[in-house]
Amino acid sequence: MKSLIRIVLLSLVLVVVALASALTAMRFAIHGTEVTVPKFVGVTLGEAERLAGNTGLSVVIERQYYSADVPEGRVMMQVPAAGTKVRRGYQVRVAQSLGPQRVTVPDVLGESGRAAQLNLERRGLDVGSVAYMDMPGIPADQVVAQSPPANASGISMPKIDLLVTTAAPTATYVMPSFTGQPLGSVSRTLQDAGFHVGNVVMIATPPVAEGSVAPPSPGTPAQESPPSGTAAPPATLTTAPAPAQPNPASIVVSQNPPPGQKVNAVATVNFEVRGEAEG
């Protein structure tokens, strides 16, 4: 019994030793890949890249600022700060000095967005954020505000933010059905809504063959049939008169654009009508 207890205790000791060894090895492995970030502030970009390479890090320029105190080309700020422990291969972000401001901010108000961008780039400046706004009475794609303003001094970054006009969105509508309605009321409805009435075509009544049996008009005696055995006169087509101009009482039978189609507010609607016409 005592030997069994001794074996169990020995096994527990061995397990604890194994876990402690594993944790120690893991800690050394983790800390073995960590490096200390060197100080990049005040050195040139080339020197910062050399220091970073020696410690297994890399450097990327994230911002550029004008500075009257830090010489041009040197690092002004860094993230993370010097002395920070990071993993090998970490990317350190730095801000580089452009030296004192020597560029005059141009006046790009009234220029198109593209022209303003070219104007700024020729002077060594960049376009920052661009906002767009619909401004009634001002043409689209025109710069109406800039920040910093023209001839500004003491700016921190070589980027100019712009406010550019944009075209107003065109309203769209779903074309309703006008079939069966009088042309006059349809025209007023469309014109009040800003639409235009286009071509209106009067559909002609099909010609009736002479000698064919047609329902008599009210109050008209029915025509007698020819005697049996007598040849009926040959049927001839009566040419229908050319369609006259439609009037407001004409009834819409078709339309283009058709019902349900999306159209803008200046669409033109064409109709085919049938009914009374101006003689």
Protein backbone atom coordinates (compact mmCIF):
# COMPACT_ATOMS: atom_id res chain seq x y z
CA MET A 1 0.00 0.00 0.00
CA LYS A 2 2.80 2.40 0.89
CA SER A 3 4.60 1.59 -2.35
CA LEU A 4 1.40 2.39 -4.32
CA ILE A 5 1.06 5.79 -2.61
CA ARG A 6 4.73 6.46 -3.29
CA ILE A 7 4.26 5.69 -6.97
CA VAL A 8 1.20 7.97 -7.22
CA LEU A 9 3.03 10.86 -5.55
CA LEU A 10 6.04 10.37 -7.81
CA SER A 11 3.77 10.42 -10.86
CA LEU A 12 2.18 13.69 -9.70
CA VAL A 13 5.61 15.24 -9.19
CA LEU A 14 6.68 14.21 -12.68
CA VAL A 15 3.48 15.72 -14.19
CA VAL A 16 4.06 19.03 -12.37
CA VAL A 17 7.68 19.14 -13.53
CA ALA A 18 6.61 18.41 -17.12
CA LEU A 19 3.99 21.22 -17.06
CA ALA A 20 6.48 23.69 -15.60
CA SER A 21 9.03 22.79 -18.25
CA ALA A 22 6.44 23.24 -21.02
CA LEU A 23 5.37 26.66 -19.72
CA THR A 24 8.99 27.79 -19.41
CA ALA A 25 9.79 26.63 -22.93
CA MET A 26 6.68 28.41 -24.29
CA ARG A 27 7.61 31.60 -22.49
CA PHE A 28 11.13 31.54 -23.90
CA ALA A 29 9.75 30.81 -27.36
CA ILE A 30 7.36 33.75 -27.20
CA HIS A 31 9.82 36.21 -25.78
CA GLY A 32 12.48 34.97 -28.14
CA THR A 33 10.51 36.53 -31.07
CA GLU A 34 10.07 39.89 -29.32
CA VAL A 35 12.28 42.87 -30.07
CA THR A 36 12.57 46.38 -28.69
CA VAL A 37 11.49 49.24 -30.96
CA PRO A 38 14.42 51.62 -31.48
CA LYS A 39 14.13 55.41 -31.47
CA PHE A 40 13.44 56.70 -34.98
CA VAL A 41 12.42 60.27 -34.12
CA GLY A 42 15.03 62.76 -35.33
CA VAL A 43 16.80 60.46 -37.79
CA THR A 44 16.47 60.37 -41.56
CA LEU A 45 14.21 57.87 -43.23
CA GLY A 46 17.21 55.92 -44.53
CA GLU A 47 18.68 55.66 -41.05
CA ALA A 48 15.30 54.61 -39.64
CA GLU A 49 15.05 51.83 -42.21
CA ARG A 50 18.56 50.63 -41.34
CA LEU A 51 17.79 50.56 -37.60
CA ALA A 52 14.52 48.76 -38.23
CA GLY A 53 16.20 46.15 -40.42
CA ASN A 54 18.81 45.41 -37.75
CA THR A 55 16.05 44.58 -35.25
CA GLY A 56 13.81 42.65 -37.61
CA LEU A 57 11.26 45.45 -38.05
CA SER A 58 10.04 47.55 -40.97
CA VAL A 59 9.19 51.23 -41.33
CA VAL A 60 6.32 52.79 -43.30
CA ILE A 61 5.63 56.52 -43.79
CA GLU A 62 2.02 57.13 -42.82
CA ARG A 63 1.93 60.96 -42.77
CA GLN A 64 3.98 63.92 -43.90
CA TYR A 65 3.81 67.26 -42.10
CA TYR A 66 5.29 70.71 -42.49
CA SER A 67 7.54 71.62 -39.57
CA ALA A 68 9.65 74.67 -38.81
CA ASP A 69 11.56 72.74 -36.11
CA VAL A 70 12.28 69.30 -37.61
CA PRO A 71 14.51 69.35 -40.72
CA GLU A 72 13.06 68.07 -43.98
CA GLY A 73 13.27 64.30 -44.45
CA ARG A 74 13.60 63.41 -40.76
CA VAL A 75 11.16 61.44 -38.65
CA MET A 76 8.84 63.56 -36.48
CA MET A 77 6.76 60.87 -34.75
CA GLN A 78 6.60 57.10 -34.51
CA VAL A 79 4.07 54.47 -33.44
CA PRO A 80 4.74 52.46 -31.31
CA ALA A 81 7.09 54.55 -29.21
CA ALA A 82 10.74 53.70 -28.71
CA GLY A 83 11.35 51.00 -26.08
CA THR A 84 8.08 49.17 -26.80
CA LYS A 85 8.28 45.37 -27.01
CA VAL A 86 6.82 44.05 -30.27
CA ARG A 87 7.02 40.86 -32.27
CA ARG A 88 9.72 40.50 -34.88
CA GLY A 89 8.50 41.69 -38.28
CA TYR A 90 6.24 44.38 -36.79
CA GLN A 91 5.61 47.46 -38.97
CA VAL A 92 6.44 50.76 -37.30
CA ARG A 93 4.49 53.77 -38.63
CA VAL A 94 6.27 57.10 -38.78
CA ALA A 95 5.50 60.71 -39.75
CA GLN A 96 8.09 62.47 -41.88
CA SER A 97 8.92 66.18 -41.85
CA LEU A 98 8.59 68.25 -45.02
CA GLY A 99 10.44 71.14 -43.44
CA PRO A 100 8.98 74.68 -43.39
CA GLN A 101 6.05 75.43 -45.70
CA ARG A 102 7.35 76.75 -48.99
CA VAL A 103 4.31 76.09 -51.18
CA THR A 104 1.60 78.67 -51.82
CA VAL A 105 -1.93 77.31 -51.64
CA PRO A 106 -3.63 78.14 -54.97
CA ASP A 107 -7.19 79.36 -55.42
CA VAL A 108 -9.11 76.52 -57.11
CA LEU A 109 -12.64 77.89 -56.56
CA GLY A 110 -14.71 77.66 -59.72
CA GLU A 111 -12.51 74.97 -61.28
CA SER A 112 -13.69 71.46 -62.06
CA GLY A 113 -12.65 68.67 -59.73
CA ARG A 114 -10.10 67.33 -62.23
CA ALA A 115 -8.66 70.76 -63.00
CA ALA A 116 -8.29 71.52 -59.28
CA GLN A 117 -6.45 68.23 -58.72
CA LEU A 118 -3.98 68.95 -61.53
CA ASN A 119 -3.46 72.49 -60.24
CA LEU A 120 -2.64 71.22 -56.75
CA GLU A 121 -0.35 68.43 -57.96
CA ARG A 122 1.70 70.87 -60.07
CA ARG A 123 2.47 72.76 -56.84
CA GLY A 124 3.43 69.66 -54.86
CA LEU A 125 0.10 69.47 -53.01
CA ASP A 126 -2.40 66.62 -52.81
CA VAL A 127 -6.18 66.46 -52.79
CA GLY A 128 -7.40 65.46 -49.35
CA SER A 129 -11.03 64.59 -48.74
CA VAL A 130 -13.59 65.57 -51.39
CA ALA A 131 -17.22 66.21 -50.43
CA TYR A 132 -20.03 66.54 -52.95
CA MET A 133 -23.18 68.64 -52.62
CA ASP A 134 -26.11 69.54 -54.85
CA MET A 135 -26.33 73.35 -54.98
CA PRO A 136 -29.20 74.75 -57.11
CA GLY A 137 -28.12 77.37 -59.60
CA ILE A 138 -24.46 76.24 -59.68
CA PRO A 139 -23.23 73.90 -62.44
CA ALA A 140 -22.19 70.39 -61.50
CA ASP A 141 -18.49 69.46 -61.00
CA GLN A 142 -17.40 72.88 -59.76
CA VAL A 143 -15.27 73.57 -56.66
CA VAL A 144 -17.18 75.91 -54.34
CA ALA A 145 -15.02 75.64 -51.19
CA GLN A 146 -11.51 74.59 -50.20
CA SER A 147 -9.65 74.07 -46.95
CA PRO A 148 -7.09 75.51 -46.29
CA PRO A 149 -8.11 78.61 -48.26
CA ALA A 150 -6.03 80.21 -50.98
CA ASN A 151 -2.67 81.69 -49.88
CA ALA A 152 -2.99 80.15 -46.39
CA SER A 153 0.21 79.99 -44.34
CA GLY A 154 1.19 77.75 -41.46
CA ILE A 155 -0.66 74.71 -42.80
CA SER A 156 0.32 71.38 -41.29
CA MET A 157 -0.15 68.99 -44.22
CA PRO A 158 0.22 69.31 -48.01
CA LYS A 159 -3.40 68.27 -48.57
CA ILE A 160 -6.31 70.45 -49.64
CA ASP A 161 -9.91 69.39 -48.93
CA LEU A 162 -12.49 70.31 -51.57
CA LEU A 163 -16.26 70.78 -51.76
CA VAL A 164 -17.55 70.04 -55.28
CA THR A 165 -21.05 70.49 -56.65
CA THR A 166 -22.89 67.53 -58.10
CA ALA A 167 -25.89 67.19 -60.38
CA ALA A 168 -29.25 66.88 -58.67
CA PRO A 169 -30.66 63.35 -58.84
CA THR A 170 -33.31 62.99 -61.52
CA ALA A 171 -36.72 62.08 -60.13
CA THR A 172 -38.24 58.93 -61.58
CA TYR A 173 -41.89 57.91 -61.77
CA VAL A 174 -43.85 54.81 -62.66
CA MET A 175 -45.95 55.42 -65.76
CA PRO A 176 -49.67 54.93 -64.99
CA SER A 177 -52.22 53.49 -67.42
CA PHE A 178 -54.28 56.02 -69.42
CA THR A 179 -56.13 53.46 -71.53
CA GLY A 180 -59.84 54.25 -71.85
CA GLN A 181 -59.49 57.87 -70.72
CA PRO A 182 -60.26 60.97 -72.83
CA LEU A 183 -57.20 62.50 -74.48
CA GLY A 184 -58.00 65.96 -73.11
CA SER A 185 -57.94 64.97 -69.43
CA VAL A 186 -54.86 62.79 -69.97
CA SER A 187 -52.98 65.71 -71.58
CA ARG A 188 -53.80 68.02 -68.67
CA THR A 189 -52.68 65.43 -66.13
CA LEU A 190 -49.35 64.89 -67.88
CA GLN A 191 -48.63 68.58 -68.37
CA ASP A 192 -49.43 69.38 -64.72
CA ALA A 193 -46.90 66.68 -63.70
CA GLY A 194 -44.18 68.08 -65.98
CA PHE A 195 -44.44 65.46 -68.74
CA HIS A 196 -44.84 66.15 -72.44
CA VAL A 197 -47.48 64.80 -74.83
CA GLY A 198 -45.78 63.53 -77.97
CA ASN A 199 -47.32 62.05 -81.10
CA VAL A 200 -51.05 61.33 -80.98
CA VAL A 201 -52.22 58.98 -83.76
CA MET A 202 -55.89 58.51 -84.65
CA ILE A 203 -56.65 54.86 -85.42
CA ALA A 204 -58.83 54.52 -88.56
CA THR A 205 -62.02 52.43 -88.56
CA PRO A 206 -61.51 49.28 -90.75
CA PRO A 207 -63.20 49.48 -94.25
CA VAL A 208 -66.48 47.58 -94.76
CA ALA A 209 -66.97 45.36 -97.87
CA GLU A 210 -69.91 46.34 -100.10
CA GLY A 211 -72.54 43.63 -100.25
CA SER A 212 -71.63 42.20 -96.87
CA VAL A 213 -74.31 41.84 -94.28
CA ALA A 214 -73.98 44.49 -91.63
CA PRO A 215 -76.33 45.24 -88.80
CA PRO A 216 -78.76 47.94 -89.88
CA SER A 217 -78.70 51.28 -88.19
CA PRO A 218 -81.68 52.06 -85.97
CA GLY A 219 -84.64 53.30 -88.03
CA THR A 220 -83.19 52.04 -91.32
CA PRO A 221 -85.16 49.26 -93.17
CA ALA A 222 -83.24 46.09 -93.83
CA GLN A 223 -81.98 45.60 -97.39
CA GLU A 224 -83.78 42.85 -99.37
CA SER A 225 -81.77 39.87 -100.51
CA PRO A 226 -81.46 39.25 -104.33
CA PRO A 227 -83.87 36.68 -105.86
CA SER A 228 -82.83 33.05 -105.72
CA GLY A 229 -80.59 32.02 -108.60
CA THR A 230 -79.49 35.58 -109.27
CA ALA A 231 -75.78 36.24 -109.02
CA ALA A 232 -74.92 38.71 -106.34
CA PRO A 233 -72.94 41.73 -107.39
CA PRO A 234 -69.22 41.43 -106.69
CA ALA A 235 -68.09 42.68 -103.33
CA THR A 236 -65.91 45.73 -103.44
CA LEU A 237 -64.01 47.50 -100.68
CA THR A 238 -64.94 50.98 -99.81
CA THR A 239 -61.87 53.06 -99.08
CA ALA A 240 -62.05 54.51 -95.62
CA PRO A 241 -61.32 58.21 -95.30
CA ALA A 242 -57.94 59.25 -93.90
CA PRO A 243 -57.96 59.58 -90.14
CA ALA A 244 -58.71 63.10 -89.01
CA GLN A 245 -56.94 64.94 -86.24
CA PRO A 246 -57.87 63.66 -82.76
CA ASN A 247 -59.71 65.92 -80.38
CA PRO A 248 -59.93 66.03 -76.56
CA ALA A 249 -62.88 63.60 -76.64
CA SER A 250 -60.81 60.87 -78.35
CA ILE A 251 -60.27 57.80 -76.20
CA VAL A 252 -56.76 56.46 -75.50
CA VAL A 253 -56.30 52.86 -76.68
CA SER A 254 -52.50 52.52 -76.26
CA GLN A 255 -49.54 54.50 -74.94
CA ASN A 256 -45.75 54.57 -75.09
CA PRO A 257 -44.01 54.32 -72.60
CA PRO A 258 -46.33 51.52 -71.46
CA PRO A 259 -47.91 51.40 -67.99
CA GLY A 260 -45.52 50.33 -65.22
CA GLN A 261 -42.33 51.55 -66.92
CA LYS A 262 -40.05 53.90 -64.97
CA VAL A 263 -39.59 57.31 -66.60
CA ASN A 264 -38.01 60.63 -65.61
CA ALA A 265 -39.85 63.88 -65.05
CA VAL A 266 -39.32 65.17 -68.61
CA ALA A 267 -40.46 62.08 -70.47
CA THR A 268 -42.58 62.35 -73.63
CA VAL A 269 -45.66 60.12 -73.87
CA ASN A 270 -47.11 59.07 -77.23
CA PHE A 271 -50.69 57.85 -77.73
CA GLU A 272 -52.95 56.01 -80.11
CA VAL A 273 -56.57 57.11 -79.78
CA ARG A 274 -59.92 56.24 -81.29
CA GLY A 275 -63.23 58.01 -81.26
CA GLU A 276 -64.56 61.34 -82.39
CA ALA A 277 -62.27 63.40 -84.53
CA GLU A 278 -62.26 66.95 -85.70
CA GLY A 279 -63.82 67.00 -89.19
